[in-house]
């Protein structure tokens, strides 16, 4: 009877140990699976966050580059505008000095000799010269000496503020027209200088 009891106790003990071991293994397996799932989820979330961060960083970089390019364009536009104003001011001041009565008389004389000496026109060709009222009298005096009495009779010089500080010359009743007013000359000089300045600025901008 004692042996049977001992055998039963051992069997119960053995079954208990095996059951406990099985339960422990089951718990460990479940814990490992849960841990693996947590790690996988954490990795997935980290990848998502990294992707979002990279996208945000790239978008921020593009916005910054766009803002820098726009700022550079604005600076160049402001610079060109300021340079244009300064070139215009300098040109107007220099033209006032350059458009002397002597210079204008020489200019009219050159055109008169080229146009009025045309054999096809004979003595019928005429030149009309508009000049600033303050320079009209001096120009007439200088012109007489520059072209001679025979040709000066075919040149009409009259004051007109439309010429500004320069000249406007028409040949044979406006068939040919030359605009040497300070406004026209300033525009020509500024257009030429402006294109050169723009080329320099653009070249520097590309470096």
N, C-alpha and C. Protein backbone atom coordinates (compact mmCIF):
# COMPACT_ATOMS: atom_id res chain seq x y z
N UNK A 1 0.84 -1.20 0.00
CA UNK A 1 0.00 0.00 0.00
C UNK A 1 0.87 1.25 0.00
N UNK A 2 1.94 1.18 0.74
CA UNK A 2 2.85 2.32 0.84
C UNK A 2 3.55 2.55 -0.49
N UNK A 3 3.89 1.47 -1.16
CA UNK A 3 4.57 1.59 -2.45
C UNK A 3 3.65 2.22 -3.49
N UNK A 4 2.42 1.82 -3.49
CA UNK A 4 1.45 2.38 -4.44
C UNK A 4 1.26 3.87 -4.20
N UNK A 5 1.22 4.26 -2.93
CA UNK A 5 1.06 5.66 -2.57
C UNK A 5 2.27 6.48 -3.02
N UNK A 6 3.45 5.85 -2.80
CA UNK A 6 4.67 6.53 -3.21
C UNK A 6 4.71 6.71 -4.72
N UNK A 7 4.30 5.68 -5.44
CA UNK A 7 4.28 5.74 -6.91
C UNK A 7 3.29 6.81 -7.38
N UNK A 8 2.15 6.89 -6.72
CA UNK A 8 1.15 7.90 -7.09
C UNK A 8 1.67 9.31 -6.85
N UNK A 9 2.38 9.47 -5.72
CA UNK A 9 2.92 10.80 -5.40
C UNK A 9 3.98 11.22 -6.44
N UNK A 10 4.83 10.26 -6.79
CA UNK A 10 5.86 10.55 -7.78
C UNK A 10 5.24 10.93 -9.13
N UNK A 11 4.17 10.19 -9.48
CA UNK A 11 3.50 10.48 -10.74
C UNK A 11 2.89 11.87 -10.73
N UNK A 12 2.25 12.22 -9.58
CA UNK A 12 1.65 13.56 -9.45
C UNK A 12 2.74 14.63 -9.54
N UNK A 13 3.85 14.35 -8.89
CA UNK A 13 4.97 15.31 -8.89
C UNK A 13 5.53 15.50 -10.30
N UNK A 14 5.68 14.37 -10.98
CA UNK A 14 6.23 14.40 -12.33
C UNK A 14 5.30 15.15 -13.27
N UNK A 15 4.01 14.84 -13.15
CA UNK A 15 3.02 15.52 -14.01
C UNK A 15 3.01 17.03 -13.73
N UNK A 16 3.15 17.37 -12.44
CA UNK A 16 3.14 18.78 -12.08
C UNK A 16 4.33 19.53 -12.66
N UNK A 17 5.51 18.84 -12.58
CA UNK A 17 6.72 19.46 -13.12
C UNK A 17 6.62 19.63 -14.64
N UNK A 18 6.14 18.59 -15.30
CA UNK A 18 6.01 18.65 -16.77
C UNK A 18 5.02 19.72 -17.19
N UNK A 19 3.90 19.79 -16.42
CA UNK A 19 2.88 20.79 -16.75
C UNK A 19 3.44 22.21 -16.54
N UNK A 20 4.16 22.35 -15.42
CA UNK A 20 4.74 23.67 -15.13
C UNK A 20 5.76 24.05 -16.20
N UNK A 21 6.54 23.06 -16.63
CA UNK A 21 7.54 23.32 -17.67
C UNK A 21 6.87 23.71 -18.98
N UNK A 22 5.79 22.98 -19.31
CA UNK A 22 5.06 23.27 -20.55
C UNK A 22 4.46 24.68 -20.49
N UNK A 23 3.88 25.01 -19.30
CA UNK A 23 3.28 26.34 -19.15
C UNK A 23 4.34 27.45 -19.25
N UNK A 24 5.50 27.14 -18.64
CA UNK A 24 6.58 28.12 -18.68
C UNK A 24 7.06 28.35 -20.12
N UNK A 25 7.21 27.22 -20.85
CA UNK A 25 7.64 27.31 -22.23
C UNK A 25 6.63 28.08 -23.08
N UNK A 26 5.36 27.82 -22.78
CA UNK A 26 4.29 28.51 -23.50
C UNK A 26 4.31 30.01 -23.20
N UNK A 27 4.53 30.33 -21.95
CA UNK A 27 4.60 31.74 -21.56
C UNK A 27 5.82 32.43 -22.19
N UNK A 28 6.96 31.69 -22.20
CA UNK A 28 8.17 32.25 -22.81
C UNK A 28 7.97 32.47 -24.30
N UNK A 29 7.32 31.51 -24.96
CA UNK A 29 7.06 31.63 -26.40
C UNK A 29 6.15 32.82 -26.68
N UNK A 30 5.11 32.97 -25.84
CA UNK A 30 4.20 34.10 -26.03
C UNK A 30 4.91 35.43 -25.78
N UNK A 31 5.78 35.44 -24.78
CA UNK A 31 6.53 36.66 -24.46
C UNK A 31 7.48 37.02 -25.60
N UNK A 32 8.15 35.98 -26.17
CA UNK A 32 9.05 36.23 -27.29
C UNK A 32 8.29 36.80 -28.49
N UNK A 33 7.13 36.19 -28.77
CA UNK A 33 6.31 36.68 -29.90
C UNK A 33 5.86 38.12 -29.68
N UNK A 34 5.46 38.41 -28.44
CA UNK A 34 5.01 39.78 -28.13
C UNK A 34 6.17 40.76 -28.25
N UNK A 35 7.34 40.33 -27.78
CA UNK A 35 8.51 41.19 -27.86
C UNK A 35 8.89 41.44 -29.32
N UNK A 36 8.84 40.36 -30.12
CA UNK A 36 9.16 40.50 -31.55
C UNK A 36 8.18 41.44 -32.25
N UNK A 37 6.89 41.32 -31.87
CA UNK A 37 5.86 42.19 -32.46
C UNK A 37 6.10 43.64 -32.07
N UNK A 38 6.49 43.85 -30.80
CA UNK A 38 6.77 45.22 -30.33
C UNK A 38 7.96 45.81 -31.07
N UNK A 39 9.03 45.00 -31.22
CA UNK A 39 10.22 45.46 -31.93
C UNK A 39 9.89 45.78 -33.39
N UNK A 40 9.11 44.87 -34.04
CA UNK A 40 8.74 45.09 -35.44
C UNK A 40 7.91 46.36 -35.59
N UNK A 41 6.98 46.57 -34.66
CA UNK A 41 6.14 47.77 -34.70
C UNK A 41 6.98 49.03 -34.47
N UNK A 42 7.94 48.91 -33.55
CA UNK A 42 8.81 50.06 -33.27
C UNK A 42 9.67 50.39 -34.49
N UNK A 43 10.18 49.33 -35.15
CA UNK A 43 10.99 49.57 -36.36
C UNK A 43 10.15 50.20 -37.46
N UNK A 44 8.93 49.72 -37.62
CA UNK A 44 8.04 50.27 -38.65
C UNK A 44 7.72 51.74 -38.36
N UNK A 45 7.45 52.04 -37.09
CA UNK A 45 7.14 53.41 -36.71
C UNK A 45 8.36 54.32 -36.89
N UNK A 46 9.53 53.77 -36.55
CA UNK A 46 10.77 54.53 -36.72
C UNK A 46 11.02 54.82 -38.20
N UNK A 47 10.74 53.83 -39.06
CA UNK A 47 10.93 54.02 -40.50
C UNK A 47 9.98 55.10 -41.02
N UNK A 48 8.73 55.06 -40.53
CA UNK A 48 7.75 56.06 -40.94
C UNK A 48 8.20 57.45 -40.50
N UNK A 49 8.63 57.55 -39.25
CA UNK A 49 9.09 58.84 -38.73
C UNK A 49 10.31 59.34 -39.51
N UNK A 50 11.23 58.43 -39.84
CA UNK A 50 12.41 58.81 -40.61
C UNK A 50 12.02 59.30 -42.00
N UNK A 51 11.05 58.60 -42.61
CA UNK A 51 10.59 58.99 -43.94
C UNK A 51 9.93 60.36 -43.91
N UNK A 52 9.09 60.58 -42.88
CA UNK A 52 8.43 61.88 -42.74
C UNK A 52 9.47 62.98 -42.51
N UNK A 53 10.45 62.68 -41.65
CA UNK A 53 11.50 63.67 -41.35
C UNK A 53 12.30 64.00 -42.61
N UNK A 54 12.63 62.96 -43.40
CA UNK A 54 13.38 63.18 -44.63
C UNK A 54 12.58 64.01 -45.63
N UNK A 55 11.29 63.68 -45.74
CA UNK A 55 10.42 64.45 -46.65
C UNK A 55 10.31 65.90 -46.20
N UNK A 56 10.14 66.09 -44.89
CA UNK A 56 10.04 67.46 -44.36
C UNK A 56 11.34 68.22 -44.59
N UNK A 57 12.46 67.53 -44.38
CA UNK A 57 13.76 68.17 -44.58
C UNK A 57 13.96 68.55 -46.04
N UNK A 58 13.56 67.66 -46.96
CA UNK A 58 13.70 67.94 -48.39
C UNK A 58 12.80 69.10 -48.81
N UNK A 59 11.55 69.09 -48.27
CA UNK A 59 10.62 70.19 -48.59
C UNK A 59 11.16 71.51 -48.04
N UNK A 60 11.71 71.47 -46.83
CA UNK A 60 12.27 72.68 -46.23
C UNK A 60 13.47 73.18 -47.04
N UNK A 61 14.29 72.24 -47.51
CA UNK A 61 15.44 72.60 -48.34
C UNK A 61 15.00 73.27 -49.63
N UNK A 62 13.97 72.69 -50.28
CA UNK A 62 13.48 73.26 -51.53
C UNK A 62 12.88 74.65 -51.31
N UNK A 63 12.12 74.79 -50.19
CA UNK A 63 11.55 76.12 -49.89
C UNK A 63 12.65 77.14 -49.63
N UNK A 64 13.69 76.70 -48.92
CA UNK A 64 14.80 77.61 -48.62
C UNK A 64 15.53 78.02 -49.91
N UNK A 65 15.77 77.02 -50.79
CA UNK A 65 16.44 77.33 -52.05
C UNK A 65 15.59 78.26 -52.91
N UNK A 66 14.27 78.01 -52.93
CA UNK A 66 13.37 78.86 -53.70
C UNK A 66 13.37 80.29 -53.15
N UNK A 67 13.34 80.39 -51.82
CA UNK A 67 13.35 81.72 -51.19
C UNK A 67 14.65 82.46 -51.49
N UNK A 68 15.77 81.72 -51.48
CA UNK A 68 17.07 82.33 -51.77
C UNK A 68 17.13 82.81 -53.22
N UNK A 69 16.62 81.95 -54.14
CA UNK A 69 16.62 82.35 -55.56
C UNK A 69 15.74 83.57 -55.78
N UNK A 70 14.57 83.61 -55.13
CA UNK A 70 13.67 84.75 -55.28
C UNK A 70 14.31 86.01 -54.70
N UNK A 71 14.97 85.86 -53.55
CA UNK A 71 15.66 87.01 -52.95
C UNK A 71 16.77 87.52 -53.86
N UNK A 72 17.50 86.57 -54.48
CA UNK A 72 18.58 86.96 -55.40
C UNK A 72 18.01 87.69 -56.61
N UNK A 73 16.87 87.19 -57.14
CA UNK A 73 16.24 87.86 -58.28
C UNK A 73 15.79 89.27 -57.89
N UNK A 74 15.21 89.38 -56.70
CA UNK A 74 14.75 90.71 -56.24
C UNK A 74 15.92 91.67 -56.09
N UNK A 75 17.03 91.16 -55.55
CA UNK A 75 18.22 92.00 -55.37
C UNK A 75 18.75 92.46 -56.73
N UNK A 76 18.79 91.53 -57.69
CA UNK A 76 19.28 91.88 -59.03
C UNK A 76 18.38 92.91 -59.70
N UNK A 77 17.06 92.72 -59.54
CA UNK A 77 16.12 93.69 -60.12
C UNK A 77 16.30 95.06 -59.50
N UNK A 78 16.44 95.08 -58.17
CA UNK A 78 16.66 96.36 -57.48
C UNK A 78 17.98 96.99 -57.92
N UNK A 79 19.00 96.13 -58.06
CA UNK A 79 20.31 96.64 -58.47
C UNK A 79 20.25 97.22 -59.87
N UNK A 80 19.61 96.49 -60.79
CA UNK A 80 19.49 96.98 -62.17
C UNK A 80 18.71 98.29 -62.22
N UNK A 81 17.64 98.36 -61.41
CA UNK A 81 16.82 99.59 -61.39
C UNK A 81 17.64 100.76 -60.87
N UNK A 82 18.40 100.52 -59.80
CA UNK A 82 19.21 101.59 -59.22
C UNK A 82 20.32 102.01 -60.18
N UNK A 83 20.94 101.02 -60.83
CA UNK A 83 22.00 101.34 -61.80
C UNK A 83 21.45 102.13 -62.97
N UNK A 84 20.24 101.75 -63.41
CA UNK A 84 19.61 102.48 -64.52
C UNK A 84 19.38 103.94 -64.15
N UNK A 85 18.90 104.17 -62.92
CA UNK A 85 18.67 105.54 -62.47
C UNK A 85 19.97 106.33 -62.44
N UNK A 86 21.02 105.68 -61.96
CA UNK A 86 22.31 106.38 -61.85
C UNK A 86 22.90 106.66 -63.23
N UNK A 87 22.78 105.66 -64.14
CA UNK A 87 23.29 105.87 -65.50
C UNK A 87 22.53 107.00 -66.18
N UNK A 88 21.21 107.04 -65.97
CA UNK A 88 20.40 108.12 -66.57
C UNK A 88 20.84 109.48 -66.03
N UNK A 89 21.03 109.55 -64.71
CA UNK A 89 21.43 110.83 -64.10
C UNK A 89 22.80 111.28 -64.62
N UNK A 90 23.74 110.32 -64.66
CA UNK A 90 25.09 110.65 -65.14
C UNK A 90 25.04 111.06 -66.61
N UNK A 91 24.27 110.31 -67.41
CA UNK A 91 24.18 110.59 -68.84
C UNK A 91 23.59 111.97 -69.09
N UNK A 92 22.52 112.30 -68.38
CA UNK A 92 21.89 113.61 -68.56
C UNK A 92 22.85 114.74 -68.21
N UNK A 93 23.59 114.55 -67.13
CA UNK A 93 24.55 115.58 -66.73
C UNK A 93 25.68 115.73 -67.75
N UNK A 94 26.16 114.60 -68.25
CA UNK A 94 27.24 114.65 -69.22
C UNK A 94 26.77 115.19 -70.57
N UNK A 95 25.52 114.82 -70.93
CA UNK A 95 24.99 115.32 -72.21
C UNK A 95 24.83 116.83 -72.19
N UNK A 96 24.47 117.37 -71.05
CA UNK A 96 24.32 118.82 -70.93
C UNK A 96 25.64 119.51 -71.23
N UNK A 97 26.75 118.85 -70.83
CA UNK A 97 28.08 119.40 -71.12
C UNK A 97 28.46 119.12 -72.58
N UNK A 98 28.11 117.92 -73.06
CA UNK A 98 28.54 117.52 -74.41
C UNK A 98 27.80 118.26 -75.51
N UNK A 99 26.52 118.57 -75.27
CA UNK A 99 25.71 119.23 -76.30
C UNK A 99 25.94 120.74 -76.30
N UNK A 100 27.18 121.09 -76.54
CA UNK A 100 27.53 122.52 -76.63
C UNK A 100 27.14 123.05 -77.99
N UNK A 101 27.13 124.36 -78.14
CA UNK A 101 26.79 124.98 -79.43
C UNK A 101 27.78 124.57 -80.51
N UNK A 102 29.06 124.45 -80.16
CA UNK A 102 30.08 124.03 -81.12
C UNK A 102 29.81 122.61 -81.61
N UNK A 103 29.51 121.73 -80.67
CA UNK A 103 29.26 120.34 -81.05
C UNK A 103 28.01 120.23 -81.94
N UNK A 104 26.94 120.92 -81.53
CA UNK A 104 25.70 120.85 -82.30
C UNK A 104 25.86 121.47 -83.69
N UNK A 105 26.64 122.54 -83.77
CA UNK A 105 26.89 123.17 -85.07
C UNK A 105 27.64 122.21 -85.98
N UNK A 106 28.60 121.50 -85.43
CA UNK A 106 29.35 120.52 -86.20
C UNK A 106 28.46 119.37 -86.65
N UNK A 107 27.57 118.95 -85.78
CA UNK A 107 26.64 117.86 -86.12
C UNK A 107 25.71 118.27 -87.25
N UNK A 108 25.13 119.47 -87.13
CA UNK A 108 24.23 119.97 -88.19
C UNK A 108 25.01 120.15 -89.49
N UNK A 109 26.23 120.65 -89.40
CA UNK A 109 27.05 120.86 -90.60
C UNK A 109 27.33 119.55 -91.31
N UNK A 110 27.66 118.50 -90.55
CA UNK A 110 27.94 117.19 -91.15
C UNK A 110 26.71 116.65 -91.87
N UNK A 111 25.54 116.76 -91.24
CA UNK A 111 24.31 116.28 -91.87
C UNK A 111 23.97 117.12 -93.09
N UNK A 112 24.12 118.41 -92.95
CA UNK A 112 23.81 119.32 -94.07
C UNK A 112 24.70 119.02 -95.27
N UNK A 113 25.99 118.82 -95.03
CA UNK A 113 26.90 118.54 -96.14
C UNK A 113 26.58 117.19 -96.80
N UNK A 114 26.17 116.22 -95.98
CA UNK A 114 25.85 114.91 -96.52
C UNK A 114 24.54 114.91 -97.28
N UNK A 115 23.56 115.70 -96.79
CA UNK A 115 22.22 115.69 -97.38
C UNK A 115 22.05 116.75 -98.46
N UNK A 116 22.45 117.97 -98.17
CA UNK A 116 22.18 119.07 -99.08
C UNK A 116 23.12 119.10 -100.28
N UNK A 117 24.22 118.38 -100.21
CA UNK A 117 25.13 118.31 -101.35
C UNK A 117 24.78 117.18 -102.31
N UNK A 118 23.65 116.53 -102.09
CA UNK A 118 23.21 115.45 -102.97
C UNK A 118 22.86 116.04 -104.34
N UNK A 119 23.56 115.63 -105.39
CA UNK A 119 23.29 116.18 -106.73
C UNK A 119 21.86 115.99 -107.17
N UNK A 120 21.22 114.95 -106.72
CA UNK A 120 19.83 114.69 -107.13
C UNK A 120 18.89 115.76 -106.61
N UNK A 121 19.25 116.38 -105.52
CA UNK A 121 18.38 117.41 -104.95
C UNK A 121 18.68 118.80 -105.51
N UNK A 122 19.84 118.95 -106.08
CA UNK A 122 20.22 120.28 -106.58
C UNK A 122 20.26 121.26 -105.43
N UNK A 123 19.57 122.36 -105.58
CA UNK A 123 19.54 123.36 -104.51
C UNK A 123 18.19 123.40 -103.80
N UNK A 124 17.41 122.33 -104.00
CA UNK A 124 16.06 122.33 -103.42
C UNK A 124 16.00 121.71 -102.03
N UNK A 125 17.06 121.02 -101.64
CA UNK A 125 17.03 120.37 -100.33
C UNK A 125 17.07 121.38 -99.20
N UNK A 126 16.33 121.07 -98.13
CA UNK A 126 16.29 121.97 -96.97
C UNK A 126 16.46 121.18 -95.68
N UNK A 127 16.91 121.89 -94.68
CA UNK A 127 17.11 121.30 -93.36
C UNK A 127 16.41 122.18 -92.34
N UNK A 128 15.62 121.55 -91.47
CA UNK A 128 14.98 122.30 -90.39
C UNK A 128 15.52 121.78 -89.06
N UNK A 129 15.97 122.70 -88.24
CA UNK A 129 16.61 122.33 -86.99
C UNK A 129 15.86 122.94 -85.82
N UNK A 130 15.38 122.07 -84.94
CA UNK A 130 14.77 122.53 -83.70
C UNK A 130 15.82 122.47 -82.60
N UNK A 131 15.92 123.50 -81.80
CA UNK A 131 16.93 123.57 -80.75
C UNK A 131 16.34 124.29 -79.55
N UNK A 132 16.94 124.05 -78.40
CA UNK A 132 16.50 124.71 -77.18
C UNK A 132 16.53 126.22 -77.34
N UNK A 133 15.49 126.92 -76.88
CA UNK A 133 15.46 128.38 -77.03
C UNK A 133 16.70 129.08 -76.49
N UNK A 134 17.28 128.56 -75.41
CA UNK A 134 18.44 129.22 -74.80
C UNK A 134 19.71 129.02 -75.63
N UNK A 135 19.70 128.05 -76.55
CA UNK A 135 20.89 127.79 -77.35
C UNK A 135 20.71 128.19 -78.81
N UNK A 136 19.53 128.66 -79.15
CA UNK A 136 19.20 128.92 -80.55
C UNK A 136 20.13 129.98 -81.17
N UNK A 137 20.26 131.10 -80.54
CA UNK A 137 21.04 132.20 -81.11
C UNK A 137 22.51 131.82 -81.27
N UNK A 138 23.06 131.15 -80.27
CA UNK A 138 24.46 130.76 -80.33
C UNK A 138 24.68 129.73 -81.43
N UNK A 139 23.72 128.80 -81.60
CA UNK A 139 23.85 127.78 -82.64
C UNK A 139 23.84 128.42 -84.03
N UNK A 140 22.97 129.40 -84.24
CA UNK A 140 22.91 130.09 -85.54
C UNK A 140 24.25 130.73 -85.86
N UNK A 141 24.87 131.35 -84.86
CA UNK A 141 26.16 132.00 -85.06
C UNK A 141 27.24 130.96 -85.41
N UNK A 142 27.27 129.88 -84.67
CA UNK A 142 28.28 128.84 -84.90
C UNK A 142 28.05 128.16 -86.25
N UNK A 143 26.79 127.98 -86.62
CA UNK A 143 26.44 127.26 -87.84
C UNK A 143 26.88 128.04 -89.09
N UNK A 144 26.75 129.33 -89.05
CA UNK A 144 27.16 130.16 -90.19
C UNK A 144 28.63 129.95 -90.51
N UNK A 145 29.43 129.85 -89.48
CA UNK A 145 30.87 129.64 -89.68
C UNK A 145 31.17 128.20 -90.09
N UNK A 146 30.31 127.25 -89.67
CA UNK A 146 30.58 125.83 -89.92
C UNK A 146 30.22 125.39 -91.33
N UNK A 147 29.16 125.95 -91.92
CA UNK A 147 28.70 125.46 -93.23
C UNK A 147 28.87 126.46 -94.36
N UNK A 148 29.07 127.71 -94.05
CA UNK A 148 29.22 128.73 -95.10
C UNK A 148 27.90 129.39 -95.43
N UNK A 149 27.99 130.58 -95.99
CA UNK A 149 26.79 131.39 -96.25
C UNK A 149 25.86 130.77 -97.28
N UNK A 150 26.42 130.09 -98.31
CA UNK A 150 25.57 129.54 -99.36
C UNK A 150 24.68 128.41 -98.83
N UNK A 151 25.22 127.60 -97.92
CA UNK A 151 24.44 126.47 -97.41
C UNK A 151 23.56 126.86 -96.22
N UNK A 152 24.00 127.82 -95.44
CA UNK A 152 23.24 128.18 -94.25
C UNK A 152 21.88 128.74 -94.61
N UNK A 153 21.76 129.29 -95.85
CA UNK A 153 20.47 129.82 -96.28
C UNK A 153 19.43 128.71 -96.48
N UNK A 154 19.91 127.47 -96.58
CA UNK A 154 18.99 126.34 -96.77
C UNK A 154 18.71 125.60 -95.46
N UNK A 155 19.19 126.19 -94.38
CA UNK A 155 18.99 125.58 -93.05
C UNK A 155 18.16 126.53 -92.20
N UNK A 156 17.03 126.05 -91.73
CA UNK A 156 16.18 126.85 -90.85
C UNK A 156 16.37 126.38 -89.41
N UNK A 157 16.78 127.29 -88.58
CA UNK A 157 16.97 126.99 -87.16
C UNK A 157 15.94 127.76 -86.37
N UNK A 158 15.16 127.05 -85.55
CA UNK A 158 14.16 127.75 -84.75
C UNK A 158 14.06 127.11 -83.38
N UNK A 159 13.76 127.95 -82.39
CA UNK A 159 13.70 127.46 -81.02
C UNK A 159 12.46 126.61 -80.77
N UNK A 160 12.64 125.52 -80.04
CA UNK A 160 11.51 124.67 -79.68
C UNK A 160 11.92 123.83 -78.47
N UNK A 161 11.17 123.95 -77.41
CA UNK A 161 11.52 123.23 -76.18
C UNK A 161 11.40 121.72 -76.33
N UNK A 162 10.73 121.26 -77.42
CA UNK A 162 10.61 119.82 -77.66
C UNK A 162 11.96 119.17 -77.90
N UNK A 163 12.95 119.97 -78.29
CA UNK A 163 14.30 119.43 -78.53
C UNK A 163 15.06 119.23 -77.23
N UNK A 164 14.49 119.69 -76.12
CA UNK A 164 15.19 119.57 -74.85
C UNK A 164 16.46 120.38 -74.88
N UNK A 165 17.56 119.77 -74.49
CA UNK A 165 18.85 120.47 -74.53
C UNK A 165 19.65 120.09 -75.76
N UNK A 166 19.02 119.31 -76.67
CA UNK A 166 19.72 118.88 -77.87
C UNK A 166 19.11 119.42 -79.14
N UNK A 167 19.01 118.54 -80.15
CA UNK A 167 18.53 118.94 -81.47
C UNK A 167 17.51 117.94 -82.00
N UNK A 168 16.64 118.46 -82.88
CA UNK A 168 15.81 117.61 -83.71
C UNK A 168 15.90 118.16 -85.12
N UNK A 169 16.30 117.31 -86.05
CA UNK A 169 16.57 117.77 -87.41
C UNK A 169 15.69 117.01 -88.39
N UNK A 170 15.00 117.75 -89.24
CA UNK A 170 14.21 117.12 -90.30
C UNK A 170 14.74 117.58 -91.66
N UNK A 171 14.69 116.65 -92.62
CA UNK A 171 15.21 116.93 -93.97
C UNK A 171 14.05 116.94 -94.95
N UNK A 172 13.97 117.99 -95.73
CA UNK A 172 12.93 118.09 -96.78
C UNK A 172 11.54 117.81 -96.23
N UNK A 173 11.16 118.54 -95.23
CA UNK A 173 9.81 118.41 -94.69
C UNK A 173 9.53 117.07 -94.04
N UNK A 174 10.43 116.61 -93.20
CA UNK A 174 10.26 115.39 -92.40
C UNK A 174 10.39 114.10 -93.20
N UNK A 175 10.89 114.14 -94.42
CA UNK A 175 11.12 112.89 -95.14
C UNK A 175 12.18 112.05 -94.42
N UNK A 176 13.14 112.73 -93.82
CA UNK A 176 14.14 112.08 -92.97
C UNK A 176 14.20 112.87 -91.67
N UNK A 177 14.24 112.14 -90.55
CA UNK A 177 14.19 112.83 -89.26
C UNK A 177 15.29 112.30 -88.35
N UNK A 178 16.03 113.22 -87.73
CA UNK A 178 17.08 112.84 -86.78
C UNK A 178 16.72 113.42 -85.41
N UNK A 179 16.69 112.56 -84.41
CA UNK A 179 16.36 113.02 -83.06
C UNK A 179 17.62 112.97 -82.19
N UNK A 180 18.17 114.14 -81.92
CA UNK A 180 19.33 114.26 -81.05
C UNK A 180 18.96 115.03 -79.78
N UNK A 181 17.71 114.91 -79.38
CA UNK A 181 17.31 115.55 -78.12
C UNK A 181 17.98 114.83 -76.97
N UNK A 182 18.11 115.51 -75.84
CA UNK A 182 18.77 114.89 -74.70
C UNK A 182 18.01 113.65 -74.23
N UNK A 183 16.67 113.68 -74.36
CA UNK A 183 15.87 112.52 -73.95
C UNK A 183 16.18 111.31 -74.82
N UNK A 184 16.23 111.53 -76.15
CA UNK A 184 16.51 110.42 -77.07
C UNK A 184 17.93 109.90 -76.88
N UNK A 185 18.89 110.80 -76.72
CA UNK A 185 20.28 110.39 -76.54
C UNK A 185 20.47 109.66 -75.21
N UNK A 186 19.79 110.14 -74.17
CA UNK A 186 19.86 109.47 -72.87
C UNK A 186 19.32 108.06 -72.96
N UNK A 187 18.19 107.91 -73.66
CA UNK A 187 17.59 106.58 -73.83
C UNK A 187 18.53 105.64 -74.56
N UNK A 188 19.18 106.14 -75.62
CA UNK A 188 20.10 105.30 -76.39
C UNK A 188 21.30 104.88 -75.54
N UNK A 189 21.86 105.84 -74.83
CA UNK A 189 23.03 105.54 -74.00
C UNK A 189 22.68 104.57 -72.89
N UNK A 190 21.54 104.79 -72.24
CA UNK A 190 21.12 103.93 -71.13
C UNK A 190 20.80 102.53 -71.61
N UNK A 191 20.20 102.44 -72.79
CA UNK A 191 19.88 101.12 -73.34
C UNK A 191 21.17 100.34 -73.61
N UNK A 192 22.15 101.02 -74.18
CA UNK A 192 23.44 100.38 -74.46
C UNK A 192 24.15 100.02 -73.16
N UNK A 193 24.24 101.00 -72.26
CA UNK A 193 24.93 100.77 -70.99
C UNK A 193 24.19 99.72 -70.16
N UNK A 194 22.85 99.78 -70.20
CA UNK A 194 22.04 98.83 -69.43
C UNK A 194 22.26 97.41 -69.87
N UNK A 195 22.37 97.19 -71.18
CA UNK A 195 22.60 95.83 -71.68
C UNK A 195 23.98 95.34 -71.25
N UNK A 196 24.97 96.24 -71.24
CA UNK A 196 26.31 95.85 -70.81
C UNK A 196 26.33 95.52 -69.31
N UNK A 197 25.66 96.35 -68.52
CA UNK A 197 25.59 96.12 -67.07
C UNK A 197 24.86 94.82 -66.78
N UNK A 198 23.74 94.59 -67.47
CA UNK A 198 22.96 93.37 -67.28
C UNK A 198 23.79 92.15 -67.62
N UNK A 199 24.57 92.24 -68.68
CA UNK A 199 25.42 91.11 -69.07
C UNK A 199 26.45 90.80 -67.99
N UNK A 200 27.03 91.87 -67.41
CA UNK A 200 28.01 91.67 -66.34
C UNK A 200 27.35 91.05 -65.11
N UNK A 201 26.20 91.59 -64.72
CA UNK A 201 25.49 91.09 -63.54
C UNK A 201 25.08 89.64 -63.75
N UNK A 202 24.54 89.33 -64.93
CA UNK A 202 24.08 87.98 -65.23
C UNK A 202 25.25 87.02 -65.21
N UNK A 203 26.39 87.43 -65.76
CA UNK A 203 27.57 86.57 -65.78
C UNK A 203 28.05 86.28 -64.37
N UNK A 204 28.06 87.31 -63.52
CA UNK A 204 28.48 87.13 -62.13
C UNK A 204 27.50 86.25 -61.37
N UNK A 205 26.23 86.38 -61.70
CA UNK A 205 25.19 85.60 -61.02
C UNK A 205 25.34 84.11 -61.34
N UNK A 206 25.84 83.79 -62.54
CA UNK A 206 25.95 82.39 -62.94
C UNK A 206 27.20 81.71 -62.39
N UNK A 207 28.14 82.50 -61.87
CA UNK A 207 29.38 81.93 -61.37
C UNK A 207 29.15 81.22 -60.04
